[in-house]
Amino acid sequence: MEAAIHPKHLSPSQVKLSLQLLLALALSAIASAQDTPAPKGQSPAAAATSAMDETRALLQQWSATERLITSERAEWETGKAMLQGRIQLLKVSIEEIEKKIAEAKTKLEDAKKRTTEAEAEKVKIREATDALLAAVPELEKGVKDLFKRAPGVVQEKARVLHDRIPKEGADVKNITAAERFQNVLGILNELNKANNEINSVPEIHDLGNGKKAEVKVVYVGLGQGYFVNSNGDIGGLGLPSADGWKWSPNPDIAPKMRELVEVMKKAVAPKLVELPAEIQ
């Protein structure tokens, strides 16, 4: 028994060949019917009718096959167009993906470059910080020495910063270089400011006779100081030292000091007041 072949399984060339064979068979059947004597018991007219029926059946099959070919061709063209459209979309998608991959690679390279630069900058900052931390103890010691030589009024202004300076041997792991330098620079700023000013403040001093009394003290910057008592008859001169200010009575400057205090209080017109000075 021969297997039936569905038209959808045939290629266009095979279908065309089949149609040609069917048409040839139909024509051959007609000619054979005309040339072949009618079967016994069947008239020639009946034989011709039978041949025509077979031919009509073949032509109907041919017509159906033609319609099938047309339908298959239309479906194939539609499928081809859809496939080409999908291929084009895939090409566009591939181009977009390749473009994004290239952009991602560029960004990745830039990120690697920035990371490398950041790491190098971190190394520089770490080295600079280590150098600062190595230098800051000596600066702190120097600032503490200067702080001792500052007048009391200046020390009070910088007291908070001074107390933040780590004591010798203290654990400084949790104190940053920036904080330590901030303390040093803050104290130096107060000292520099005071060194360009003339300050007048009341203080308790030893007047040299075993008695202490309140006096008016005038500091000229950070290097010279003078005082006079409330009666204006006892004066003195002061100089900074590593242990604080040292004062020595000097009655000769008492009158000049009275004048200076009056000028600073604006009780009299401004004028030049000469006082002795010692350069250390």
C-alpha atoms as a PDB file:
ATOM      1  CA  MET A   1       0.000   0.000   0.000  1.00  0.00           C
ATOM      2  CA  GLU A   2       1.477   3.327  -1.034  1.00  0.00           C
ATOM      3  CA  ALA A   3       1.643   6.161   1.481  1.00  0.00           C
ATOM      4  CA  ALA A   4      -0.438   9.242   0.640  1.00  0.00           C
ATOM      5  CA  ILE A   5       1.529  12.472   0.202  1.00  0.00           C
ATOM      6  CA  HIS A   6      -0.214  15.588   1.502  1.00  0.00           C
ATOM      7  CA  PRO A   7       0.146  18.609  -0.829  1.00  0.00           C
ATOM      8  CA  LYS A   8       1.522  20.716   2.063  1.00  0.00           C
ATOM      9  CA  HIS A   9       4.518  18.387   2.147  1.00  0.00           C
ATOM     10  CA  LEU A  10       5.379  19.101  -1.524  1.00  0.00           C
ATOM     11  CA  SER A  11       7.531  21.914  -2.771  1.00  0.00           C
ATOM     12  CA  PRO A  12       6.127  24.328  -5.432  1.00  0.00           C
ATOM     13  CA  SER A  13       8.172  22.578  -8.145  1.00  0.00           C
ATOM     14  CA  GLN A  14       6.870  19.169  -7.062  1.00  0.00           C
ATOM     15  CA  VAL A  15       3.265  20.441  -7.039  1.00  0.00           C
ATOM     16  CA  LYS A  16       3.687  21.911 -10.517  1.00  0.00           C
ATOM     17  CA  LEU A  17       5.060  18.603 -11.807  1.00  0.00           C
ATOM     18  CA  SER A  18       2.154  16.731 -10.242  1.00  0.00           C
ATOM     19  CA  LEU A  19      -0.359  19.025 -11.980  1.00  0.00           C
ATOM     20  CA  GLN A  20       1.326  18.444 -15.306  1.00  0.00           C
ATOM     21  CA  LEU A  21       1.118  14.670 -14.749  1.00  0.00           C
ATOM     22  CA  LEU A  22      -2.558  14.876 -13.764  1.00  0.00           C
ATOM     23  CA  LEU A  23      -3.396  16.899 -16.864  1.00  0.00           C
ATOM     24  CA  ALA A  24      -1.502  14.462 -19.060  1.00  0.00           C
ATOM     25  CA  LEU A  25      -3.310  11.540 -17.467  1.00  0.00           C
ATOM     26  CA  ALA A  26      -6.677  13.240 -18.023  1.00  0.00           C
ATOM     27  CA  LEU A  27      -5.984  13.871 -21.689  1.00  0.00           C
ATOM     28  CA  SER A  28      -4.672  10.338 -22.066  1.00  0.00           C
ATOM     29  CA  ALA A  29      -7.834   8.945 -20.457  1.00  0.00           C
ATOM     30  CA  ILE A  30     -10.034  10.891 -22.882  1.00  0.00           C
ATOM     31  CA  ALA A  31      -8.057   9.701 -25.866  1.00  0.00           C
ATOM     32  CA  SER A  32      -8.047   6.155 -24.567  1.00  0.00           C
ATOM     33  CA  ALA A  33     -11.798   6.252 -24.037  1.00  0.00           C
ATOM     34  CA  GLN A  34     -12.286   7.368 -27.598  1.00  0.00           C
ATOM     35  CA  ASP A  35      -9.937   4.711 -29.076  1.00  0.00           C
ATOM     36  CA  THR A  36     -10.819   1.831 -26.765  1.00  0.00           C
ATOM     37  CA  PRO A  37     -13.909  -0.190 -27.538  1.00  0.00           C
ATOM     38  CA  ALA A  38     -16.596   0.064 -24.954  1.00  0.00           C
ATOM     39  CA  PRO A  39     -16.608  -2.740 -22.421  1.00  0.00           C
ATOM     40  CA  LYS A  40     -18.932  -5.576 -23.023  1.00  0.00           C
ATOM     41  CA  GLY A  41     -22.392  -4.697 -21.960  1.00  0.00           C
ATOM     42  CA  GLN A  42     -21.605  -0.898 -21.908  1.00  0.00           C
ATOM     43  CA  SER A  43     -22.481   1.404 -24.708  1.00  0.00           C
ATOM     44  CA  PRO A  44     -19.861   3.758 -26.155  1.00  0.00           C
ATOM     45  CA  ALA A  45     -21.814   6.692 -24.778  1.00  0.00           C
ATOM     46  CA  ALA A  46     -21.649   5.286 -21.252  1.00  0.00           C
ATOM     47  CA  ALA A  47     -17.951   4.642 -21.606  1.00  0.00           C
ATOM     48  CA  ALA A  48     -17.404   8.202 -22.789  1.00  0.00           C
ATOM     49  CA  THR A  49     -19.432   9.512 -19.859  1.00  0.00           C
ATOM     50  CA  SER A  50     -17.311   7.488 -17.419  1.00  0.00           C
ATOM     51  CA  ALA A  51     -14.140   8.816 -18.996  1.00  0.00           C
ATOM     52  CA  MET A  52     -15.480  12.358 -18.732  1.00  0.00           C
ATOM     53  CA  ASP A  53     -16.295  11.831 -15.061  1.00  0.00           C
ATOM     54  CA  GLU A  54     -12.758  10.674 -14.411  1.00  0.00           C
ATOM     55  CA  THR A  55     -11.397  13.621 -16.333  1.00  0.00           C
ATOM     56  CA  ARG A  56     -13.680  16.021 -14.410  1.00  0.00           C
ATOM     57  CA  ALA A  57     -12.457  14.526 -11.129  1.00  0.00           C
ATOM     58  CA  LEU A  58      -8.873  14.993 -12.233  1.00  0.00           C
ATOM     59  CA  LEU A  59      -9.550  18.595 -13.232  1.00  0.00           C
ATOM     60  CA  GLN A  60     -11.256  19.298  -9.906  1.00  0.00           C
ATOM     61  CA  GLN A  61      -8.218  17.862  -8.129  1.00  0.00           C
ATOM     62  CA  TRP A  62      -5.998  20.021 -10.305  1.00  0.00           C
ATOM     63  CA  SER A  63      -8.096  23.122  -9.458  1.00  0.00           C
ATOM     64  CA  ALA A  64      -7.913  22.322  -5.738  1.00  0.00           C
ATOM     65  CA  THR A  65      -4.194  21.841  -6.007  1.00  0.00           C
ATOM     66  CA  GLU A  66      -3.829  25.203  -7.769  1.00  0.00           C
ATOM     67  CA  ARG A  67      -5.776  26.879  -4.981  1.00  0.00           C
ATOM     68  CA  LEU A  68      -3.579  25.127  -2.448  1.00  0.00           C
ATOM     69  CA  ILE A  69      -0.457  26.317  -4.257  1.00  0.00           C
ATOM     70  CA  THR A  70      -1.798  29.895  -4.245  1.00  0.00           C
ATOM     71  CA  SER A  71      -2.659  29.675  -0.535  1.00  0.00           C
ATOM     72  CA  GLU A  72       0.704  28.110   0.340  1.00  0.00           C
ATOM     73  CA  ARG A  73       2.516  30.772  -1.691  1.00  0.00           C
ATOM     74  CA  ALA A  74       0.586  33.564   0.075  1.00  0.00           C
ATOM     75  CA  GLU A  75       1.314  32.022   3.474  1.00  0.00           C
ATOM     76  CA  TRP A  76       4.943  31.586   2.530  1.00  0.00           C
ATOM     77  CA  GLU A  77       5.233  35.234   1.407  1.00  0.00           C
ATOM     78  CA  THR A  78       3.557  36.385   4.615  1.00  0.00           C
ATOM     79  CA  GLY A  79       5.812  34.177   6.719  1.00  0.00           C
ATOM     80  CA  LYS A  80       8.833  35.383   4.773  1.00  0.00           C
ATOM     81  CA  ALA A  81       7.896  39.045   5.392  1.00  0.00           C
ATOM     82  CA  MET A  82       7.352  38.364   9.094  1.00  0.00           C
ATOM     83  CA  LEU A  83      10.623  36.481   9.322  1.00  0.00           C
ATOM     84  CA  GLN A  84      12.495  39.294   7.558  1.00  0.00           C
ATOM     85  CA  GLY A  85      10.863  41.794   9.910  1.00  0.00           C
ATOM     86  CA  ARG A  86      11.949  39.781  12.927  1.00  0.00           C
ATOM     87  CA  ILE A  87      15.456  39.451  11.497  1.00  0.00           C
ATOM     88  CA  GLN A  88      15.610  43.231  11.048  1.00  0.00           C
ATOM     89  CA  LEU A  89      14.374  43.789  14.605  1.00  0.00           C
ATOM     90  CA  LEU A  90      16.965  41.359  15.870  1.00  0.00           C
ATOM     91  CA  LYS A  91      19.673  43.204  13.936  1.00  0.00           C
ATOM     92  CA  VAL A  92      18.549  46.521  15.455  1.00  0.00           C
ATOM     93  CA  SER A  93      18.428  44.930  18.920  1.00  0.00           C
ATOM     94  CA  ILE A  94      21.894  43.442  18.433  1.00  0.00           C
ATOM     95  CA  GLU A  95      23.238  46.845  17.340  1.00  0.00           C
ATOM     96  CA  GLU A  96      21.675  48.503  20.405  1.00  0.00           C
ATOM     97  CA  ILE A  97      23.060  45.812  22.692  1.00  0.00           C
ATOM     98  CA  GLU A  98      26.515  46.122  21.129  1.00  0.00           C
ATOM     99  CA  LYS A  99      26.320  49.907  21.543  1.00  0.00           C
ATOM    100  CA  LYS A 100      25.327  49.555  25.200  1.00  0.00           C
ATOM    101  CA  ILE A 101      28.103  47.003  25.740  1.00  0.00           C
ATOM    102  CA  ALA A 102      30.621  49.443  24.237  1.00  0.00           C
ATOM    103  CA  GLU A 103      29.287  52.251  26.449  1.00  0.00           C
ATOM    104  CA  ALA A 104      29.427  49.970  29.491  1.00  0.00           C
ATOM    105  CA  LYS A 105      33.012  49.043  28.678  1.00  0.00           C
ATOM    106  CA  THR A 106      33.912  52.735  28.358  1.00  0.00           C
ATOM    107  CA  LYS A 107      32.233  53.524  31.683  1.00  0.00           C
ATOM    108  CA  LEU A 108      33.960  50.558  33.291  1.00  0.00           C
ATOM    109  CA  GLU A 109      37.337  51.762  32.054  1.00  0.00           C
ATOM    110  CA  ASP A 110      36.578  55.281  33.339  1.00  0.00           C
ATOM    111  CA  ALA A 111      35.509  53.841  36.691  1.00  0.00           C
ATOM    112  CA  LYS A 112      38.706  51.781  36.894  1.00  0.00           C
ATOM    113  CA  LYS A 113      40.742  54.876  36.041  1.00  0.00           C
ATOM    114  CA  ARG A 114      38.963  56.976  38.684  1.00  0.00           C
ATOM    115  CA  THR A 115      39.367  54.172  41.216  1.00  0.00           C
ATOM    116  CA  THR A 116      43.095  53.999  40.484  1.00  0.00           C
ATOM    117  CA  GLU A 117      43.401  57.775  40.795  1.00  0.00           C
ATOM    118  CA  ALA A 118      41.385  57.733  44.028  1.00  0.00           C
ATOM    119  CA  GLU A 119      43.600  55.008  45.475  1.00  0.00           C
ATOM    120  CA  ALA A 120      46.694  56.999  44.540  1.00  0.00           C
ATOM    121  CA  GLU A 121      45.177  60.108  46.135  1.00  0.00           C
ATOM    122  CA  LYS A 122      44.376  58.128  49.280  1.00  0.00           C
ATOM    123  CA  VAL A 123      47.983  57.001  49.474  1.00  0.00           C
ATOM    124  CA  LYS A 124      49.171  60.617  49.146  1.00  0.00           C
ATOM    125  CA  ILE A 125      46.712  61.780  51.810  1.00  0.00           C
ATOM    126  CA  ARG A 126      47.771  58.954  54.121  1.00  0.00           C
ATOM    127  CA  GLU A 127      51.433  59.837  53.658  1.00  0.00           C
ATOM    128  CA  ALA A 128      50.695  63.534  54.250  1.00  0.00           C
ATOM    129  CA  THR A 129      48.624  62.687  57.336  1.00  0.00           C
ATOM    130  CA  ASP A 130      51.394  60.493  58.715  1.00  0.00           C
ATOM    131  CA  ALA A 131      53.887  63.318  58.162  1.00  0.00           C
ATOM    132  CA  LEU A 132      51.595  65.781  59.952  1.00  0.00           C
ATOM    133  CA  LEU A 133      51.026  63.402  62.839  1.00  0.00           C
ATOM    134  CA  ALA A 134      54.774  62.965  63.163  1.00  0.00           C
ATOM    135  CA  ALA A 135      55.259  66.743  63.320  1.00  0.00           C
ATOM    136  CA  VAL A 136      52.304  67.732  65.496  1.00  0.00           C
ATOM    137  CA  PRO A 137      53.735  66.634  68.900  1.00  0.00           C
ATOM    138  CA  GLU A 138      56.621  69.092  68.570  1.00  0.00           C
ATOM    139  CA  LEU A 139      54.211  71.849  67.538  1.00  0.00           C
ATOM    140  CA  GLU A 140      51.941  71.088  70.496  1.00  0.00           C
ATOM    141  CA  LYS A 141      54.916  71.284  72.874  1.00  0.00           C
ATOM    142  CA  GLY A 142      55.968  74.614  71.405  1.00  0.00           C
ATOM    143  CA  VAL A 143      52.441  76.014  71.684  1.00  0.00           C
ATOM    144  CA  LYS A 144      52.204  74.909  75.320  1.00  0.00           C
ATOM    145  CA  ASP A 145      55.456  76.760  76.071  1.00  0.00           C
ATOM    146  CA  LEU A 146      54.116  79.897  74.395  1.00  0.00           C
ATOM    147  CA  PHE A 147      50.833  79.530  76.273  1.00  0.00           C
ATOM    148  CA  LYS A 148      52.708  79.674  79.604  1.00  0.00           C
ATOM    149  CA  ARG A 149      54.307  82.963  78.570  1.00  0.00           C
ATOM    150  CA  ALA A 150      50.989  84.562  77.559  1.00  0.00           C
ATOM    151  CA  PRO A 151      49.185  87.008  79.860  1.00  0.00           C
ATOM    152  CA  GLY A 152      46.361  85.571  81.930  1.00  0.00           C
ATOM    153  CA  VAL A 153      43.702  87.391  79.902  1.00  0.00           C
ATOM    154  CA  VAL A 154      45.016  85.768  76.710  1.00  0.00           C
ATOM    155  CA  GLN A 155      45.285  82.354  78.347  1.00  0.00           C
ATOM    156  CA  GLU A 156      41.615  82.477  79.303  1.00  0.00           C
ATOM    157  CA  LYS A 157      40.623  83.083  75.681  1.00  0.00           C
ATOM    158  CA  ALA A 158      42.643  80.067  74.498  1.00  0.00           C
ATOM    159  CA  ARG A 159      42.052  77.853  77.555  1.00  0.00           C
ATOM    160  CA  VAL A 160      39.567  75.502  75.850  1.00  0.00           C
ATOM    161  CA  LEU A 161      41.894  74.849  72.912  1.00  0.00           C
ATOM    162  CA  HIS A 162      44.863  74.404  75.238  1.00  0.00           C
ATOM    163  CA  ASP A 163      43.037  71.810  77.325  1.00  0.00           C
ATOM    164  CA  ARG A 164      42.241  69.812  74.183  1.00  0.00           C
ATOM    165  CA  ILE A 165      45.915  69.233  73.458  1.00  0.00           C
ATOM    166  CA  PRO A 166      46.751  65.621  74.437  1.00  0.00           C
ATOM    167  CA  LYS A 167      48.951  65.247  77.461  1.00  0.00           C
ATOM    168  CA  GLU A 168      52.323  63.615  77.009  1.00  0.00           C
ATOM    169  CA  GLY A 169      51.963  59.827  76.777  1.00  0.00           C
ATOM    170  CA  ALA A 170      48.198  59.984  76.253  1.00  0.00           C
ATOM    171  CA  ASP A 171      46.438  57.713  73.735  1.00  0.00           C
ATOM    172  CA  VAL A 172      45.901  59.756  70.573  1.00  0.00           C
ATOM    173  CA  LYS A 173      44.526  57.032  68.257  1.00  0.00           C
ATOM    174  CA  ASN A 174      41.043  58.531  68.287  1.00  0.00           C
ATOM    175  CA  ILE A 175      42.232  62.106  67.697  1.00  0.00           C
ATOM    176  CA  THR A 176      42.661  63.090  64.059  1.00  0.00           C
ATOM    177  CA  ALA A 177      45.513  65.168  62.724  1.00  0.00           C
ATOM    178  CA  ALA A 178      42.993  67.840  61.731  1.00  0.00           C
ATOM    179  CA  GLU A 179      41.716  68.173  65.317  1.00  0.00           C
ATOM    180  CA  ARG A 180      45.212  68.426  66.749  1.00  0.00           C
ATOM    181  CA  PHE A 181      46.279  71.043  64.214  1.00  0.00           C
ATOM    182  CA  GLN A 182      43.054  72.943  64.829  1.00  0.00           C
ATOM    183  CA  ASN A 183      43.991  73.276  68.492  1.00  0.00           C
ATOM    184  CA  VAL A 184      47.525  74.442  67.636  1.00  0.00           C
ATOM    185  CA  LEU A 185      46.407  76.946  65.026  1.00  0.00           C
ATOM    186  CA  GLY A 186      43.585  78.246  67.231  1.00  0.00           C
ATOM    187  CA  ILE A 187      46.014  79.020  70.092  1.00  0.00           C
ATOM    188  CA  LEU A 188      48.536  80.606  67.726  1.00  0.00           C
ATOM    189  CA  ASN A 189      45.775  82.771  66.303  1.00  0.00           C
ATOM    190  CA  GLU A 190      44.851  84.060  69.776  1.00  0.00           C
ATOM    191  CA  LEU A 191      48.513  84.675  70.616  1.00  0.00           C
ATOM    192  CA  ASN A 192      49.124  86.515  67.348  1.00  0.00           C
ATOM    193  CA  LYS A 193      46.029  88.637  67.878  1.00  0.00           C
ATOM    194  CA  ALA A 194      47.067  89.527  71.440  1.00  0.00           C
ATOM    195  CA  ASN A 195      50.596  90.370  70.285  1.00  0.00           C
ATOM    196  CA  ASN A 196      49.180  93.212  68.201  1.00  0.00           C
ATOM    197  CA  GLU A 197      46.990  94.643  70.948  1.00  0.00           C
ATOM    198  CA  ILE A 198      47.307  96.662  74.146  1.00  0.00           C
ATOM    199  CA  ASN A 199      45.123  95.189  76.861  1.00  0.00           C
ATOM    200  CA  SER A 200      44.212  96.776  80.172  1.00  0.00           C
ATOM    201  CA  VAL A 201      42.899  94.417  82.870  1.00  0.00           C
ATOM    202  CA  PRO A 202      42.634  94.376  86.679  1.00  0.00           C
ATOM    203  CA  GLU A 203      44.763  91.838  88.534  1.00  0.00           C
ATOM    204  CA  ILE A 204      45.886  91.038  92.083  1.00  0.00           C
ATOM    205  CA  HIS A 205      49.621  91.692  92.520  1.00  0.00           C
ATOM    206  CA  ASP A 206      52.197  91.647  95.286  1.00  0.00           C
ATOM    207  CA  LEU A 207      53.160  95.309  95.838  1.00  0.00           C
ATOM    208  CA  GLY A 208      56.457  94.447  97.452  1.00  0.00           C
ATOM    209  CA  ASN A 209      55.546  95.179 101.029  1.00  0.00           C
ATOM    210  CA  GLY A 210      54.105  91.768 101.755  1.00  0.00           C
ATOM    211  CA  LYS A 211      50.629  92.948 100.843  1.00  0.00           C
ATOM    212  CA  LYS A 212      48.581  92.097  97.783  1.00  0.00           C
ATOM    213  CA  ALA A 213      46.209  94.520  96.161  1.00  0.00           C
ATOM    214  CA  GLU A 214      44.228  94.989  93.000  1.00  0.00           C
ATOM    215  CA  VAL A 215      46.139  96.907  90.358  1.00  0.00           C
ATOM    216  CA  LYS A 216      45.543  98.039  86.796  1.00  0.00           C
ATOM    217  CA  VAL A 217      47.745  96.067  84.415  1.00  0.00           C
ATOM    218  CA  VAL A 218      48.542  97.108  80.861  1.00  0.00           C
ATOM    219  CA  TYR A 219      49.934  94.452  78.509  1.00  0.00           C
ATOM    220  CA  VAL A 220      51.737  95.664  75.406  1.00  0.00           C
ATOM    221  CA  GLY A 221      51.488  92.690  73.096  1.00  0.00           C
ATOM    222  CA  LEU A 222      53.016  89.543  74.595  1.00  0.00           C
ATOM    223  CA  GLY A 223      56.402  90.936  75.559  1.00  0.00           C
ATOM    224  CA  GLN A 224      55.876  93.748  78.039  1.00  0.00           C
ATOM    225  CA  GLY A 225      53.565  94.553  80.938  1.00  0.00           C
ATOM    226  CA  TYR A 226      53.078  97.416  83.426  1.00  0.00           C
ATOM    227  CA  PHE A 227      50.930  97.930  86.503  1.00  0.00           C
ATOM    228  CA  VAL A 228      49.908 100.705  88.832  1.00  0.00           C
ATOM    229  CA  ASN A 229      47.903 100.572  92.065  1.00  0.00           C
ATOM    230  CA  SER A 230      44.642 102.376  92.635  1.00  0.00           C
ATOM    231  CA  ASN A 231      46.399 105.231  94.510  1.00  0.00           C
ATOM    232  CA  GLY A 232      48.734 105.740  91.580  1.00  0.00           C
ATOM    233  CA  ASP A 233      51.865 105.756  93.756  1.00  0.00           C
ATOM    234  CA  ILE A 234      53.121 102.198  93.219  1.00  0.00           C
ATOM    235  CA  GLY A 235      53.971 100.876  89.809  1.00  0.00           C
ATOM    236  CA  GLY A 236      55.827  97.932  88.351  1.00  0.00           C
ATOM    237  CA  LEU A 237      57.202  96.233  85.279  1.00  0.00           C
ATOM    238  CA  GLY A 238      56.389  92.694  84.053  1.00  0.00           C
ATOM    239  CA  LEU A 239      58.121  90.315  81.642  1.00  0.00           C
ATOM    240  CA  PRO A 240      57.073  86.851  80.399  1.00  0.00           C
ATOM    241  CA  SER A 241      59.012  83.742  81.388  1.00  0.00           C
ATOM    242  CA  ALA A 242      58.732  79.983  81.071  1.00  0.00           C
ATOM    243  CA  ASP A 243      57.037  79.921  84.495  1.00  0.00           C
ATOM    244  CA  GLY A 244      54.634  82.776  83.810  1.00  0.00           C
ATOM    245  CA  TRP A 245      54.976  86.530  84.167  1.00  0.00           C
ATOM    246  CA  LYS A 246      57.545  87.961  86.540  1.00  0.00           C
ATOM    247  CA  TRP A 247      56.723  91.332  88.117  1.00  0.00           C
ATOM    248  CA  SER A 248      59.052  93.758  89.803  1.00  0.00           C
ATOM    249  CA  PRO A 249      57.967  96.999  91.582  1.00  0.00           C
ATOM    250  CA  ASN A 250      59.202 100.238  90.000  1.00  0.00           C
ATOM    251  CA  PRO A 251      57.848 103.380  91.701  1.00  0.00           C
ATOM    252  CA  ASP A 252      59.367 105.616  88.993  1.00  0.00           C
ATOM    253  CA  ILE A 253      56.839 104.482  86.384  1.00  0.00           C
ATOM    254  CA  ALA A 254      53.778 105.020  88.597  1.00  0.00           C
ATOM    255  CA  PRO A 255      53.110 108.621  87.351  1.00  0.00           C
ATOM    256  CA  LYS A 256      53.457 107.572  83.715  1.00  0.00           C
ATOM    257  CA  MET A 257      51.204 104.621  84.300  1.00  0.00           C
ATOM    258  CA  ARG A 258      48.526 106.895  85.762  1.00  0.00           C
ATOM    259  CA  GLU A 259      48.672 108.945  82.581  1.00  0.00           C
ATOM    260  CA  LEU A 260      48.463 105.828  80.411  1.00  0.00           C
ATOM    261  CA  VAL A 261      45.448 104.489  82.293  1.00  0.00           C
ATOM    262  CA  GLU A 262      43.677 107.847  81.932  1.00  0.00           C
ATOM    263  CA  VAL A 263      44.382 107.888  78.193  1.00  0.00           C
ATOM    264  CA  MET A 264      43.104 104.317  77.739  1.00  0.00           C
ATOM    265  CA  LYS A 265      39.961 105.184  79.709  1.00  0.00           C
ATOM    266  CA  LYS A 266      39.579 108.195  77.356  1.00  0.00           C
ATOM    267  CA  ALA A 267      39.404 110.418  80.403  1.00  0.00           C
ATOM    268  CA  VAL A 268      41.971 112.729  78.791  1.00  0.00           C
ATOM    269  CA  ALA A 269      42.952 113.594  75.255  1.00  0.00           C
ATOM    270  CA  PRO A 270      45.201 111.051  73.500  1.00  0.00           C
ATOM    271  CA  LYS A 271      48.902 111.689  73.976  1.00  0.00           C
ATOM    272  CA  LEU A 272      52.235 109.912  73.853  1.00  0.00           C
ATOM    273  CA  VAL A 273      53.247 108.270  77.135  1.00  0.00           C
ATOM    274  CA  GLU A 274      56.839 107.060  77.436  1.00  0.00           C
ATOM    275  CA  LEU A 275      57.532 103.964  79.521  1.00  0.00           C
ATOM    276  CA  PRO A 276      60.685 101.874  79.958  1.00  0.00           C
ATOM    277  CA  ALA A 277      60.920  98.594  78.054  1.00  0.00           C
ATOM    278  CA  GLU A 278      63.182  95.564  78.212  1.00  0.00           C
ATOM    279  CA  ILE A 279      64.000  93.471  75.159  1.00  0.00           C
ATOM    280  CA  GLN A 280      64.466  89.757  75.828  1.00  0.00           C
END
